Amino acid sequence: MLPTLAKPGLLVMDVDATLIEEEVIDLLGAEAGCGDELSKITARAMRGEITFDTSLRLRVSMLRGLHIDECKKRIISQIHVTKGANVLIDTLHAHGWKVGAVSGGFHEILDEFLPGLNIDFWVAHHLESINGRLTGNVLGNIVNANAKVEALQTWASNFGIAHEQTVAVGDGANDIAMITFAGLGVAFCAKPAVQAATPYRILTRDVSAVLHFLNVN
């Protein structure tokens, strides 16, 4: 039984390359002068060739010395919301749903960007900085595959939302666990391993197509 819009529900989506078109860490890498090298590591992680935890720490270490406050606005100006995102979020909210985001990106960027999309809550990484310059370290826990599942579980529990009324949407290897865990898991323009994990796939870059998988009564 697919989730229905007739009851409260929860949709949780990945951010980079799902809710937005870009990979924020690649934009940070471009600012730090290591964009090409960093992007190659991102691609390997998305394909599942190296663990997300390893790839994240490696990529963040390459950002050492970057003045995050000076480049924050430039990075946000380069972010493009994926087609259909506003329609999806507004439609779900109109039916009493909650919308969360789970990101391998960073609070330093997303805390300023996501409120404008009416996302209800999100988890991401915190970058360590001293006097505004990044140290190359991540503070706290890594938002890996298990953390994404835990966020979905926590939010559903907090709002009394049944498991069968949960939806997860993502594109990379780090999203497979939540896609297979949720009541409905959707692979969005995803890597082959992610598409293989669920029969529910969107192959065009319009995330509002998630609504086609939901019952209306």
C-alpha atoms as a PDB file:
ATOM      1  CA  MET A   1       0.000   0.000   0.000  1.00  0.00           C
ATOM      2  CA  LEU A   2       1.458   3.338  -1.071  1.00  0.00           C
ATOM      3  CA  PRO A   3       1.273   6.359   1.252  1.00  0.00           C
ATOM      4  CA  THR A   4      -1.815   8.514   0.942  1.00  0.00           C
ATOM      5  CA  LEU A   5      -2.297  12.271   0.969  1.00  0.00           C
ATOM      6  CA  ALA A   6      -5.503  11.704   2.919  1.00  0.00           C
ATOM      7  CA  LYS A   7      -3.505  11.151   6.133  1.00  0.00           C
ATOM      8  CA  PRO A   8      -0.565  12.982   7.730  1.00  0.00           C
ATOM      9  CA  GLY A   9       2.775  11.864   6.372  1.00  0.00           C
ATOM     10  CA  LEU A  10       6.475  12.633   6.244  1.00  0.00           C
ATOM     11  CA  LEU A  11       8.678  13.083   3.200  1.00  0.00           C
ATOM     12  CA  VAL A  12      12.435  13.147   3.737  1.00  0.00           C
ATOM     13  CA  MET A  13      14.727  14.024   0.873  1.00  0.00           C
ATOM     14  CA  ASP A  14      18.392  14.285   0.188  1.00  0.00           C
ATOM     15  CA  VAL A  15      19.580  17.805  -0.617  1.00  0.00           C
ATOM     16  CA  ASP A  16      22.530  17.786  -3.013  1.00  0.00           C
ATOM     17  CA  ALA A  17      21.519  16.702  -6.541  1.00  0.00           C
ATOM     18  CA  THR A  18      17.984  15.954  -5.303  1.00  0.00           C
ATOM     19  CA  LEU A  19      16.371  19.009  -3.701  1.00  0.00           C
ATOM     20  CA  ILE A  20      18.966  21.201  -5.416  1.00  0.00           C
ATOM     21  CA  GLU A  21      20.901  20.729  -8.641  1.00  0.00           C
ATOM     22  CA  GLU A  22      24.376  21.217  -7.213  1.00  0.00           C
ATOM     23  CA  GLU A  23      26.713  19.465  -4.777  1.00  0.00           C
ATOM     24  CA  VAL A  24      27.449  22.205  -2.242  1.00  0.00           C
ATOM     25  CA  ILE A  25      30.779  20.716  -1.244  1.00  0.00           C
ATOM     26  CA  ASP A  26      31.881  20.965  -4.880  1.00  0.00           C
ATOM     27  CA  LEU A  27      30.985  24.673  -4.844  1.00  0.00           C
ATOM     28  CA  LEU A  28      33.074  25.067  -1.694  1.00  0.00           C
ATOM     29  CA  GLY A  29      35.899  23.227  -3.414  1.00  0.00           C
ATOM     30  CA  ALA A  30      35.784  25.652  -6.325  1.00  0.00           C
ATOM     31  CA  GLU A  31      36.108  28.539  -3.857  1.00  0.00           C
ATOM     32  CA  ALA A  32      39.070  26.801  -2.237  1.00  0.00           C
ATOM     33  CA  GLY A  33      40.785  26.228  -5.595  1.00  0.00           C
ATOM     34  CA  CYS A  34      40.484  22.425  -5.528  1.00  0.00           C
ATOM     35  CA  GLY A  35      37.163  21.996  -7.311  1.00  0.00           C
ATOM     36  CA  ASP A  36      38.131  19.385  -9.921  1.00  0.00           C
ATOM     37  CA  GLU A  37      39.956  17.111  -7.495  1.00  0.00           C
ATOM     38  CA  LEU A  38      37.213  17.393  -4.902  1.00  0.00           C
ATOM     39  CA  SER A  39      34.440  16.705  -7.460  1.00  0.00           C
ATOM     40  CA  LYS A  40      36.109  13.443  -8.455  1.00  0.00           C
ATOM     41  CA  ILE A  41      35.969  12.262  -4.832  1.00  0.00           C
ATOM     42  CA  THR A  42      32.302  13.301  -4.619  1.00  0.00           C
ATOM     43  CA  ALA A  43      31.512  11.242  -7.718  1.00  0.00           C
ATOM     44  CA  ARG A  44      33.276   8.175  -6.297  1.00  0.00           C
ATOM     45  CA  ALA A  45      31.306   8.471  -3.064  1.00  0.00           C
ATOM     46  CA  MET A  46      28.004   8.863  -4.932  1.00  0.00           C
ATOM     47  CA  ARG A  47      28.741   5.654  -6.834  1.00  0.00           C
ATOM     48  CA  GLY A  48      29.528   3.874  -3.577  1.00  0.00           C
ATOM     49  CA  GLU A  49      33.182   3.263  -4.459  1.00  0.00           C
ATOM     50  CA  ILE A  50      34.387   4.724  -1.143  1.00  0.00           C
ATOM     51  CA  THR A  51      32.488   5.156   2.100  1.00  0.00           C
ATOM     52  CA  PHE A  52      30.709   8.423   2.634  1.00  0.00           C
ATOM     53  CA  ASP A  53      32.430   9.020   5.981  1.00  0.00           C
ATOM     54  CA  THR A  54      35.883   8.646   4.415  1.00  0.00           C
ATOM     55  CA  SER A  55      35.042  10.796   1.418  1.00  0.00           C
ATOM     56  CA  LEU A  56      33.525  13.570   3.515  1.00  0.00           C
ATOM     57  CA  ARG A  57      36.477  13.890   5.859  1.00  0.00           C
ATOM     58  CA  LEU A  58      38.872  13.827   2.913  1.00  0.00           C
ATOM     59  CA  ARG A  59      36.968  16.510   1.004  1.00  0.00           C
ATOM     60  CA  VAL A  60      36.499  18.775   4.030  1.00  0.00           C
ATOM     61  CA  SER A  61      40.232  18.539   4.772  1.00  0.00           C
ATOM     62  CA  MET A  62      40.825  20.041   1.321  1.00  0.00           C
ATOM     63  CA  LEU A  63      38.835  23.143   2.343  1.00  0.00           C
ATOM     64  CA  ARG A  64      41.286  24.091   5.087  1.00  0.00           C
ATOM     65  CA  GLY A  65      41.891  27.852   5.172  1.00  0.00           C
ATOM     66  CA  LEU A  66      38.750  28.814   3.246  1.00  0.00           C
ATOM     67  CA  HIS A  67      37.040  31.883   4.756  1.00  0.00           C
ATOM     68  CA  ILE A  68      33.492  30.541   4.979  1.00  0.00           C
ATOM     69  CA  ASP A  69      31.824  33.850   5.864  1.00  0.00           C
ATOM     70  CA  GLU A  70      33.336  35.583   2.850  1.00  0.00           C
ATOM     71  CA  CYS A  71      32.202  32.967   0.316  1.00  0.00           C
ATOM     72  CA  LYS A  72      28.849  31.936   1.841  1.00  0.00           C
ATOM     73  CA  LYS A  73      26.695  34.372  -0.126  1.00  0.00           C
ATOM     74  CA  ARG A  74      28.497  33.594  -3.380  1.00  0.00           C
ATOM     75  CA  ILE A  75      27.843  29.889  -2.907  1.00  0.00           C
ATOM     76  CA  ILE A  76      24.171  30.356  -2.066  1.00  0.00           C
ATOM     77  CA  SER A  77      23.758  32.479  -5.210  1.00  0.00           C
ATOM     78  CA  GLN A  78      24.973  29.505  -7.285  1.00  0.00           C
ATOM     79  CA  ILE A  79      22.423  27.041  -5.889  1.00  0.00           C
ATOM     80  CA  HIS A  80      19.463  26.142  -8.098  1.00  0.00           C
ATOM     81  CA  VAL A  81      16.361  24.509  -6.648  1.00  0.00           C
ATOM     82  CA  THR A  82      15.361  21.405  -8.570  1.00  0.00           C
ATOM     83  CA  LYS A  83      12.316  21.775 -10.790  1.00  0.00           C
ATOM     84  CA  GLY A  84       9.103  20.818  -9.015  1.00  0.00           C
ATOM     85  CA  ALA A  85      10.490  21.161  -5.480  1.00  0.00           C
ATOM     86  CA  ASN A  86       8.207  24.019  -4.494  1.00  0.00           C
ATOM     87  CA  VAL A  87       5.172  22.254  -5.947  1.00  0.00           C
ATOM     88  CA  LEU A  88       6.024  19.074  -4.061  1.00  0.00           C
ATOM     89  CA  ILE A  89       6.623  20.828  -0.735  1.00  0.00           C
ATOM     90  CA  ASP A  90       3.562  23.082  -0.976  1.00  0.00           C
ATOM     91  CA  THR A  91       1.279  20.204  -1.985  1.00  0.00           C
ATOM     92  CA  LEU A  92       2.442  18.026   0.892  1.00  0.00           C
ATOM     93  CA  HIS A  93       2.044  20.855   3.395  1.00  0.00           C
ATOM     94  CA  ALA A  94      -1.476  21.516   2.100  1.00  0.00           C
ATOM     95  CA  HIS A  95      -2.325  17.917   3.018  1.00  0.00           C
ATOM     96  CA  GLY A  96      -0.855  18.140   6.512  1.00  0.00           C
ATOM     97  CA  TRP A  97       2.457  16.477   5.739  1.00  0.00           C
ATOM     98  CA  LYS A  98       5.892  17.352   7.099  1.00  0.00           C
ATOM     99  CA  VAL A  99       8.950  17.724   4.880  1.00  0.00           C
ATOM    100  CA  GLY A 100      12.476  17.098   6.139  1.00  0.00           C
ATOM    101  CA  ALA A 101      15.886  17.258   4.508  1.00  0.00           C
ATOM    102  CA  VAL A 102      18.892  15.068   5.244  1.00  0.00           C
ATOM    103  CA  SER A 103      22.116  16.429   3.857  1.00  0.00           C
ATOM    104  CA  GLY A 104      25.715  15.495   3.453  1.00  0.00           C
ATOM    105  CA  GLY A 105      26.185  19.255   3.164  1.00  0.00           C
ATOM    106  CA  PHE A 106      26.621  21.909   5.780  1.00  0.00           C
ATOM    107  CA  HIS A 107      24.558  23.956   8.215  1.00  0.00           C
ATOM    108  CA  GLU A 108      26.668  26.998   7.382  1.00  0.00           C
ATOM    109  CA  ILE A 109      24.992  27.099   3.954  1.00  0.00           C
ATOM    110  CA  LEU A 110      21.686  25.274   4.457  1.00  0.00           C
ATOM    111  CA  ASP A 111      20.553  27.185   7.541  1.00  0.00           C
ATOM    112  CA  GLU A 112      20.299  30.268   5.345  1.00  0.00           C
ATOM    113  CA  PHE A 113      18.975  28.518   2.241  1.00  0.00           C
ATOM    114  CA  LEU A 114      16.421  25.905   3.318  1.00  0.00           C
ATOM    115  CA  PRO A 115      13.996  28.143   5.280  1.00  0.00           C
ATOM    116  CA  GLY A 116      13.133  29.847   1.992  1.00  0.00           C
ATOM    117  CA  LEU A 117      11.868  26.491   0.698  1.00  0.00           C
ATOM    118  CA  ASN A 118       9.639  25.930   3.752  1.00  0.00           C
ATOM    119  CA  ILE A 119      11.497  22.778   4.765  1.00  0.00           C
ATOM    120  CA  ASP A 120      10.293  21.872   8.261  1.00  0.00           C
ATOM    121  CA  PHE A 121      13.556  20.454   9.638  1.00  0.00           C
ATOM    122  CA  TRP A 122      16.935  19.216   8.457  1.00  0.00           C
ATOM    123  CA  VAL A 123      20.168  17.589   9.509  1.00  0.00           C
ATOM    124  CA  ALA A 124      23.581  18.429   8.051  1.00  0.00           C
ATOM    125  CA  HIS A 125      27.208  18.812   9.072  1.00  0.00           C
ATOM    126  CA  HIS A 126      28.888  21.595  10.999  1.00  0.00           C
ATOM    127  CA  LEU A 127      32.230  22.821   9.695  1.00  0.00           C
ATOM    128  CA  GLU A 128      34.855  23.744  12.267  1.00  0.00           C
ATOM    129  CA  SER A 129      36.290  27.224  11.808  1.00  0.00           C
ATOM    130  CA  ILE A 130      38.660  29.517  13.685  1.00  0.00           C
ATOM    131  CA  ASN A 131      38.351  33.248  13.074  1.00  0.00           C
ATOM    132  CA  GLY A 132      36.090  32.493  10.120  1.00  0.00           C
ATOM    133  CA  ARG A 133      38.527  30.148   8.378  1.00  0.00           C
ATOM    134  CA  LEU A 134      37.829  26.447   8.024  1.00  0.00           C
ATOM    135  CA  THR A 135      40.149  24.088   9.858  1.00  0.00           C
ATOM    136  CA  GLY A 136      39.438  21.158   7.543  1.00  0.00           C
ATOM    137  CA  ASN A 137      37.519  19.293  10.240  1.00  0.00           C
ATOM    138  CA  VAL A 138      33.865  18.334  10.673  1.00  0.00           C
ATOM    139  CA  LEU A 139      32.243  18.847  14.067  1.00  0.00           C
ATOM    140  CA  GLY A 140      29.960  16.172  15.486  1.00  0.00           C
ATOM    141  CA  ASN A 141      28.569  13.085  13.814  1.00  0.00           C
ATOM    142  CA  ILE A 142      28.693  12.347  10.098  1.00  0.00           C
ATOM    143  CA  VAL A 143      25.319  12.395   8.324  1.00  0.00           C
ATOM    144  CA  ASN A 144      25.850   9.017   6.700  1.00  0.00           C
ATOM    145  CA  ALA A 145      23.342   6.405   5.557  1.00  0.00           C
ATOM    146  CA  ASN A 146      22.475   5.292   9.090  1.00  0.00           C
ATOM    147  CA  ALA A 147      22.071   8.881  10.289  1.00  0.00           C
ATOM    148  CA  LYS A 148      19.595   9.570   7.493  1.00  0.00           C
ATOM    149  CA  VAL A 149      17.475   6.596   8.542  1.00  0.00           C
ATOM    150  CA  GLU A 150      17.646   7.704  12.177  1.00  0.00           C
ATOM    151  CA  ALA A 151      16.484  11.211  11.251  1.00  0.00           C
ATOM    152  CA  LEU A 152      13.506   9.810   9.354  1.00  0.00           C
ATOM    153  CA  GLN A 153      12.605   7.561  12.298  1.00  0.00           C
ATOM    154  CA  THR A 154      12.947  10.389  14.825  1.00  0.00           C
ATOM    155  CA  TRP A 155      10.813  12.849  12.882  1.00  0.00           C
ATOM    156  CA  ALA A 156       8.116  10.261  12.200  1.00  0.00           C
ATOM    157  CA  SER A 157       8.032   9.341  15.884  1.00  0.00           C
ATOM    158  CA  ASN A 158       7.924  12.969  17.021  1.00  0.00           C
ATOM    159  CA  PHE A 159       4.850  13.661  14.919  1.00  0.00           C
ATOM    160  CA  GLY A 160       3.126  10.313  15.341  1.00  0.00           C
ATOM    161  CA  ILE A 161       3.413   9.445  11.663  1.00  0.00           C
ATOM    162  CA  ALA A 162       2.975   5.788  10.766  1.00  0.00           C
ATOM    163  CA  HIS A 163       5.850   4.067   8.972  1.00  0.00           C
ATOM    164  CA  GLU A 164       3.692   3.361   5.928  1.00  0.00           C
ATOM    165  CA  GLN A 165       3.158   7.124   5.605  1.00  0.00           C
ATOM    166  CA  THR A 166       6.873   7.895   5.240  1.00  0.00           C
ATOM    167  CA  VAL A 167       8.597   8.690   1.951  1.00  0.00           C
ATOM    168  CA  ALA A 168      12.338   8.959   1.253  1.00  0.00           C
ATOM    169  CA  VAL A 169      13.807  10.476  -1.908  1.00  0.00           C
ATOM    170  CA  GLY A 170      17.467  10.467  -2.932  1.00  0.00           C
ATOM    171  CA  ASP A 171      20.006   9.884  -5.660  1.00  0.00           C
ATOM    172  CA  GLY A 172      23.251   8.547  -4.170  1.00  0.00           C
ATOM    173  CA  ALA A 173      24.615   5.478  -2.418  1.00  0.00           C
ATOM    174  CA  ASN A 174      24.288   7.280   0.916  1.00  0.00           C
ATOM    175  CA  ASP A 175      20.490   7.364   0.392  1.00  0.00           C
ATOM    176  CA  ILE A 176      19.891   3.652  -0.227  1.00  0.00           C
ATOM    177  CA  ALA A 177      19.314   2.765   3.435  1.00  0.00           C
ATOM    178  CA  MET A 178      16.563   5.353   3.953  1.00  0.00           C
ATOM    179  CA  ILE A 179      15.007   4.572   0.560  1.00  0.00           C
ATOM    180  CA  THR A 180      14.694   0.896   1.460  1.00  0.00           C
ATOM    181  CA  PHE A 181      13.565   1.689   5.011  1.00  0.00           C
ATOM    182  CA  ALA A 182      10.762   4.163   4.262  1.00  0.00           C
ATOM    183  CA  GLY A 183       7.206   3.217   3.474  1.00  0.00           C
ATOM    184  CA  LEU A 184       7.931   4.481  -0.048  1.00  0.00           C
ATOM    185  CA  GLY A 185      11.453   4.949  -1.345  1.00  0.00           C
ATOM    186  CA  VAL A 186      12.013   6.909  -4.545  1.00  0.00           C
ATOM    187  CA  ALA A 187      15.221   6.999  -6.588  1.00  0.00           C
ATOM    188  CA  PHE A 188      15.495  10.450  -8.155  1.00  0.00           C
ATOM    189  CA  CYS A 189      17.718  10.661 -11.258  1.00  0.00           C
ATOM    190  CA  ALA A 190      19.806   8.233  -9.273  1.00  0.00           C
ATOM    191  CA  LYS A 191      22.956   6.202  -9.636  1.00  0.00           C
ATOM    192  CA  PRO A 192      22.395   2.588 -10.853  1.00  0.00           C
ATOM    193  CA  ALA A 193      22.806   1.068  -7.381  1.00  0.00           C
ATOM    194  CA  VAL A 194      20.090   3.361  -6.021  1.00  0.00           C
ATOM    195  CA  GLN A 195      17.712   2.602  -8.869  1.00  0.00           C
ATOM    196  CA  ALA A 196      18.243  -1.100  -8.210  1.00  0.00           C
ATOM    197  CA  ALA A 197      17.129  -0.630  -4.595  1.00  0.00           C
ATOM    198  CA  THR A 198      13.549   0.449  -5.406  1.00  0.00           C
ATOM    199  CA  PRO A 199      10.956  -0.001  -8.159  1.00  0.00           C
ATOM    200  CA  TYR A 200       9.931   3.649  -7.739  1.00  0.00           C
ATOM    201  CA  ARG A 201      12.167   5.754  -9.956  1.00  0.00           C
ATOM    202  CA  ILE A 202      12.064   9.238 -11.459  1.00  0.00           C
ATOM    203  CA  LEU A 203      14.284   9.666 -14.506  1.00  0.00           C
ATOM    204  CA  THR A 204      13.555  13.302 -15.360  1.00  0.00           C
ATOM    205  CA  ARG A 205      14.612  16.251 -13.235  1.00  0.00           C
ATOM    206  CA  ASP A 206      11.198  17.177 -11.849  1.00  0.00           C
ATOM    207  CA  VAL A 207      10.938  16.163  -8.212  1.00  0.00           C
ATOM    208  CA  SER A 208       7.187  16.910  -8.080  1.00  0.00           C
ATOM    209  CA  ALA A 209       6.802  13.572  -9.890  1.00  0.00           C
ATOM    210  CA  VAL A 210       7.020  12.001  -6.424  1.00  0.00           C
ATOM    211  CA  LEU A 211       3.355  12.992  -6.078  1.00  0.00           C
ATOM    212  CA  HIS A 212       2.441  10.469  -8.797  1.00  0.00           C
ATOM    213  CA  PHE A 213       3.340   7.643  -6.402  1.00  0.00           C
ATOM    214  CA  LEU A 214       1.027   8.844  -3.620  1.00  0.00           C
ATOM    215  CA  ASN A 215      -2.604   7.836  -3.245  1.00  0.00           C
ATOM    216  CA  VAL A 216      -5.075  10.720  -3.005  1.00  0.00           C
ATOM    217  CA  ASN A 217      -7.727   8.961  -0.889  1.00  0.00           C
END
